[in-house]
Structure formats: structure tokens, C-alpha cells
Amino acid sequence: MIRLYVSQYYTGRTKIRKKWIKLSIGADVLKQIICTIKIRRVPTARHDNIDLKPIITRTSETNPLSVGVADKDHDNEENHVFVRE
């Protein structure tokens, strides 16, 4: 008879999944006002590109945008065209 025994430590250790919280902010830096916040819970690290368009759209509804600054993660031509328009 073979006894299959796995320790409780090992079963608890293998089921641990790291969950991250992504925070994206649209702000007016000159007036020091936060205009838009997007909080998203994701199971793994992922690109923030899906949050850029809603943040820019909602921020531009409250304040007209003159300069846009973002991470290197948002640096592609599609996002550049969207922000310019």
C-alpha cells in the first residue's frame, strides 16, 4: 500500500498567487489636483496601456490638456496620436 501524503505547508505554499494593484492617475501638476484615478486588481504584472485612453479622456473632460507625460510603457505611436487628438 502506497501512502500519498503531502504536507500542509507544501499544499499551502503552491497555491499562493500574487495579486497586484495597478494605480493610474491623471493629474494637473501645475495646480496639484488629481483629476482621475483608475485602480485595477490584476493577477500578474501587465501593461498599463488599457488604462491610458480612459484616463486621458476623463482628465480632458475636466481640464484641457496642454502637455501629456507618461511612462515608457505608454510609448507607442497609437497612444501619441490619441493624446494629440
N, C-alpha and C. Protein backbone atom coordinates (compact mmCIF):
# COMPACT_ATOMS: atom_id res chain seq x y z
N MET A 1 0.84 -1.17 0.00
CA MET A 1 0.00 0.00 0.00
C MET A 1 0.90 1.25 0.00
N ILE A 2 0.66 2.14 -0.96
CA ILE A 2 1.42 3.38 -1.05
C ILE A 2 0.59 4.48 -0.43
N ARG A 3 1.20 5.17 0.47
CA ARG A 3 0.51 6.26 1.14
C ARG A 3 0.95 7.57 0.49
N LEU A 4 -0.01 8.31 -0.05
CA LEU A 4 0.27 9.60 -0.66
C LEU A 4 0.00 10.69 0.37
N TYR A 5 1.04 11.24 0.89
CA TYR A 5 0.91 12.26 1.91
C TYR A 5 1.71 13.49 1.47
N VAL A 6 1.03 14.61 1.42
CA VAL A 6 1.68 15.87 1.11
C VAL A 6 1.49 16.77 2.32
N SER A 7 2.57 17.38 2.73
CA SER A 7 2.48 18.21 3.93
C SER A 7 1.59 19.42 3.69
N GLN A 8 0.99 19.89 4.75
CA GLN A 8 0.10 21.05 4.67
C GLN A 8 0.88 22.29 4.25
N TYR A 9 2.14 22.38 4.65
CA TYR A 9 2.97 23.51 4.25
C TYR A 9 3.12 23.55 2.73
N TYR A 10 3.40 22.41 2.12
CA TYR A 10 3.62 22.37 0.67
C TYR A 10 2.34 22.71 -0.10
N THR A 11 1.21 22.19 0.32
CA THR A 11 -0.04 22.49 -0.40
C THR A 11 -0.41 23.96 -0.26
N GLY A 12 -0.18 24.53 0.90
CA GLY A 12 -0.45 25.95 1.08
C GLY A 12 0.53 26.81 0.30
N ARG A 13 1.74 26.37 0.18
CA ARG A 13 2.78 27.14 -0.50
C ARG A 13 2.57 27.16 -2.01
N THR A 14 2.09 26.10 -2.59
CA THR A 14 1.93 26.04 -4.05
C THR A 14 0.71 26.79 -4.54
N LYS A 15 -0.23 27.10 -3.69
CA LYS A 15 -1.45 27.79 -4.11
C LYS A 15 -1.35 29.30 -3.98
N ILE A 16 -0.22 29.82 -3.54
CA ILE A 16 -0.07 31.26 -3.36
C ILE A 16 0.06 31.92 -4.72
N ARG A 17 -0.82 32.85 -5.00
CA ARG A 17 -0.77 33.65 -6.22
C ARG A 17 -0.65 35.10 -5.82
N LYS A 18 0.31 35.77 -6.39
CA LYS A 18 0.47 37.19 -6.08
C LYS A 18 -0.51 38.00 -6.91
N LYS A 19 -1.22 38.86 -6.25
CA LYS A 19 -2.16 39.74 -6.93
C LYS A 19 -1.68 41.17 -6.74
N TRP A 20 -1.60 41.89 -7.82
CA TRP A 20 -1.08 43.24 -7.81
C TRP A 20 -2.21 44.25 -7.94
N ILE A 21 -1.98 45.42 -7.45
CA ILE A 21 -2.92 46.51 -7.63
C ILE A 21 -2.24 47.55 -8.49
N LYS A 22 -2.89 47.90 -9.60
CA LYS A 22 -2.37 48.92 -10.50
C LYS A 22 -3.11 50.22 -10.23
N LEU A 23 -2.36 51.28 -10.09
CA LEU A 23 -2.94 52.60 -9.85
C LEU A 23 -2.50 53.51 -10.98
N SER A 24 -3.46 54.06 -11.70
CA SER A 24 -3.18 55.03 -12.76
C SER A 24 -3.86 56.34 -12.38
N ILE A 25 -3.13 57.43 -12.54
CA ILE A 25 -3.62 58.74 -12.10
C ILE A 25 -3.49 59.74 -13.23
N GLY A 26 -4.53 60.54 -13.41
CA GLY A 26 -4.48 61.70 -14.29
C GLY A 26 -4.52 62.94 -13.41
N ALA A 27 -3.51 63.80 -13.52
CA ALA A 27 -3.40 64.94 -12.61
C ALA A 27 -3.02 66.21 -13.33
N ASP A 28 -3.42 67.32 -12.76
CA ASP A 28 -2.96 68.64 -13.19
C ASP A 28 -1.80 68.99 -12.27
N VAL A 29 -0.59 68.95 -12.80
CA VAL A 29 0.60 69.11 -11.98
C VAL A 29 0.79 70.56 -11.54
N LEU A 30 0.41 71.50 -12.38
CA LEU A 30 0.60 72.91 -12.02
C LEU A 30 -0.28 73.31 -10.85
N LYS A 31 -1.53 72.85 -10.85
CA LYS A 31 -2.44 73.18 -9.75
C LYS A 31 -2.40 72.14 -8.62
N GLN A 32 -1.67 71.05 -8.84
CA GLN A 32 -1.56 69.95 -7.89
C GLN A 32 -2.92 69.36 -7.54
N ILE A 33 -3.67 69.02 -8.60
CA ILE A 33 -5.00 68.44 -8.43
C ILE A 33 -5.02 67.09 -9.13
N ILE A 34 -5.52 66.07 -8.45
CA ILE A 34 -5.73 64.76 -9.08
C ILE A 34 -7.10 64.79 -9.73
N CYS A 35 -7.13 64.57 -11.04
CA CYS A 35 -8.39 64.65 -11.81
C CYS A 35 -9.05 63.29 -11.97
N THR A 36 -8.27 62.26 -12.18
CA THR A 36 -8.82 60.93 -12.45
C THR A 36 -7.96 59.87 -11.78
N ILE A 37 -8.63 58.86 -11.22
CA ILE A 37 -7.93 57.72 -10.63
C ILE A 37 -8.52 56.44 -11.18
N LYS A 38 -7.67 55.51 -11.55
CA LYS A 38 -8.13 54.20 -12.00
C LYS A 38 -7.36 53.16 -11.20
N ILE A 39 -8.08 52.36 -10.41
CA ILE A 39 -7.48 51.30 -9.61
C ILE A 39 -7.95 49.98 -10.19
N ARG A 40 -6.99 49.10 -10.45
CA ARG A 40 -7.32 47.83 -11.08
C ARG A 40 -6.55 46.73 -10.38
N ARG A 41 -7.21 45.63 -10.10
CA ARG A 41 -6.56 44.48 -9.47
C ARG A 41 -6.27 43.45 -10.55
N VAL A 42 -5.00 43.10 -10.68
CA VAL A 42 -4.59 42.16 -11.72
C VAL A 42 -3.81 41.02 -11.08
N PRO A 43 -3.94 39.80 -11.62
CA PRO A 43 -3.21 38.68 -11.03
C PRO A 43 -1.72 38.69 -11.33
N THR A 44 -1.30 39.24 -12.45
CA THR A 44 0.12 39.31 -12.79
C THR A 44 0.43 40.69 -13.32
N ALA A 45 1.71 40.97 -13.44
CA ALA A 45 2.12 42.26 -14.00
C ALA A 45 1.71 42.33 -15.46
N ARG A 46 1.11 43.42 -15.87
CA ARG A 46 0.58 43.58 -17.21
C ARG A 46 0.79 45.01 -17.66
N HIS A 47 0.66 45.25 -18.94
CA HIS A 47 0.84 46.60 -19.44
C HIS A 47 -0.29 47.51 -18.97
N ASP A 48 0.03 48.78 -18.83
CA ASP A 48 -0.95 49.77 -18.41
C ASP A 48 -1.61 50.46 -19.58
N ASN A 49 -1.35 50.00 -20.80
CA ASN A 49 -1.90 50.65 -21.98
C ASN A 49 -3.42 50.67 -21.99
N ILE A 50 -4.06 49.68 -21.40
CA ILE A 50 -5.51 49.65 -21.42
C ILE A 50 -6.12 50.75 -20.55
N ASP A 51 -5.33 51.31 -19.64
CA ASP A 51 -5.82 52.38 -18.77
C ASP A 51 -5.55 53.77 -19.32
N LEU A 52 -4.67 53.90 -20.30
CA LEU A 52 -4.27 55.23 -20.76
C LEU A 52 -5.42 55.99 -21.41
N LYS A 53 -6.14 55.38 -22.31
CA LYS A 53 -7.21 56.08 -23.04
C LYS A 53 -8.33 56.56 -22.11
N PRO A 54 -8.84 55.72 -21.20
CA PRO A 54 -9.87 56.24 -20.29
C PRO A 54 -9.37 57.35 -19.37
N ILE A 55 -8.12 57.26 -18.92
CA ILE A 55 -7.56 58.30 -18.05
C ILE A 55 -7.45 59.61 -18.81
N ILE A 56 -6.92 59.58 -20.02
CA ILE A 56 -6.77 60.80 -20.82
C ILE A 56 -8.13 61.39 -21.16
N THR A 57 -9.09 60.54 -21.52
CA THR A 57 -10.43 61.02 -21.89
C THR A 57 -11.11 61.70 -20.70
N ARG A 58 -11.09 61.06 -19.53
CA ARG A 58 -11.75 61.63 -18.35
C ARG A 58 -11.05 62.88 -17.85
N THR A 59 -9.73 62.90 -17.94
CA THR A 59 -8.99 64.08 -17.49
C THR A 59 -9.24 65.26 -18.40
N SER A 60 -9.32 65.02 -19.71
CA SER A 60 -9.55 66.12 -20.65
C SER A 60 -10.98 66.66 -20.56
N GLU A 61 -11.90 65.89 -20.01
CA GLU A 61 -13.27 66.39 -19.82
C GLU A 61 -13.31 67.45 -18.70
N THR A 62 -12.46 67.31 -17.69
CA THR A 62 -12.45 68.28 -16.60
C THR A 62 -11.52 69.46 -16.86
N ASN A 63 -10.34 69.17 -17.40
CA ASN A 63 -9.34 70.20 -17.67
C ASN A 63 -8.80 70.04 -19.09
N PRO A 64 -8.61 71.12 -19.81
CA PRO A 64 -7.97 71.00 -21.13
C PRO A 64 -6.50 70.60 -20.95
N LEU A 65 -6.05 69.66 -21.80
CA LEU A 65 -4.68 69.17 -21.69
C LEU A 65 -3.76 69.98 -22.60
N SER A 66 -2.61 70.36 -22.06
CA SER A 66 -1.61 71.03 -22.89
C SER A 66 -0.36 70.17 -23.03
N VAL A 67 -0.02 69.41 -21.99
CA VAL A 67 1.15 68.54 -22.01
C VAL A 67 0.76 67.19 -21.41
N GLY A 68 1.18 66.11 -22.04
CA GLY A 68 0.93 64.78 -21.50
C GLY A 68 2.25 64.09 -21.20
N VAL A 69 2.37 63.55 -20.01
CA VAL A 69 3.58 62.85 -19.61
C VAL A 69 3.17 61.46 -19.15
N ALA A 70 3.89 60.44 -19.64
CA ALA A 70 3.57 59.06 -19.26
C ALA A 70 4.85 58.24 -19.18
N ASP A 71 4.73 57.02 -18.69
CA ASP A 71 5.86 56.10 -18.59
C ASP A 71 6.32 55.64 -19.96
N LYS A 72 7.42 54.94 -19.95
CA LYS A 72 7.94 54.33 -21.17
C LYS A 72 6.99 53.24 -21.67
N ASP A 73 6.21 52.69 -20.78
CA ASP A 73 5.25 51.64 -21.13
C ASP A 73 4.20 52.14 -22.13
N HIS A 74 3.89 53.42 -22.10
CA HIS A 74 2.87 54.00 -22.97
C HIS A 74 3.45 54.57 -24.26
N ASP A 75 4.71 54.35 -24.50
CA ASP A 75 5.39 54.98 -25.63
C ASP A 75 5.20 54.16 -26.91
N ASN A 76 4.09 54.39 -27.59
CA ASN A 76 3.89 53.85 -28.94
C ASN A 76 3.10 54.86 -29.76
N GLU A 77 3.13 54.71 -31.05
CA GLU A 77 2.56 55.72 -31.94
C GLU A 77 1.04 55.84 -31.78
N GLU A 78 0.37 54.75 -31.51
CA GLU A 78 -1.09 54.79 -31.33
C GLU A 78 -1.47 55.70 -30.16
N ASN A 79 -0.74 55.59 -29.06
CA ASN A 79 -1.00 56.46 -27.91
C ASN A 79 -0.63 57.91 -28.20
N HIS A 80 0.43 58.14 -28.95
CA HIS A 80 0.82 59.50 -29.30
C HIS A 80 -0.27 60.19 -30.12
N VAL A 81 -0.81 59.45 -31.09
CA VAL A 81 -1.88 60.02 -31.94
C VAL A 81 -3.12 60.30 -31.10
N PHE A 82 -3.46 59.38 -30.20
CA PHE A 82 -4.64 59.56 -29.35
C PHE A 82 -4.52 60.80 -28.47
N VAL A 83 -3.36 60.99 -27.86
CA VAL A 83 -3.18 62.15 -26.97
C VAL A 83 -3.18 63.45 -27.77
N ARG A 84 -2.59 63.45 -28.96
CA ARG A 84 -2.58 64.67 -29.78
C ARG A 84 -3.98 65.07 -30.23
N GLU A 85 -4.82 64.10 -30.54
CA GLU A 85 -6.19 64.40 -31.00
C GLU A 85 -7.05 64.81 -29.84
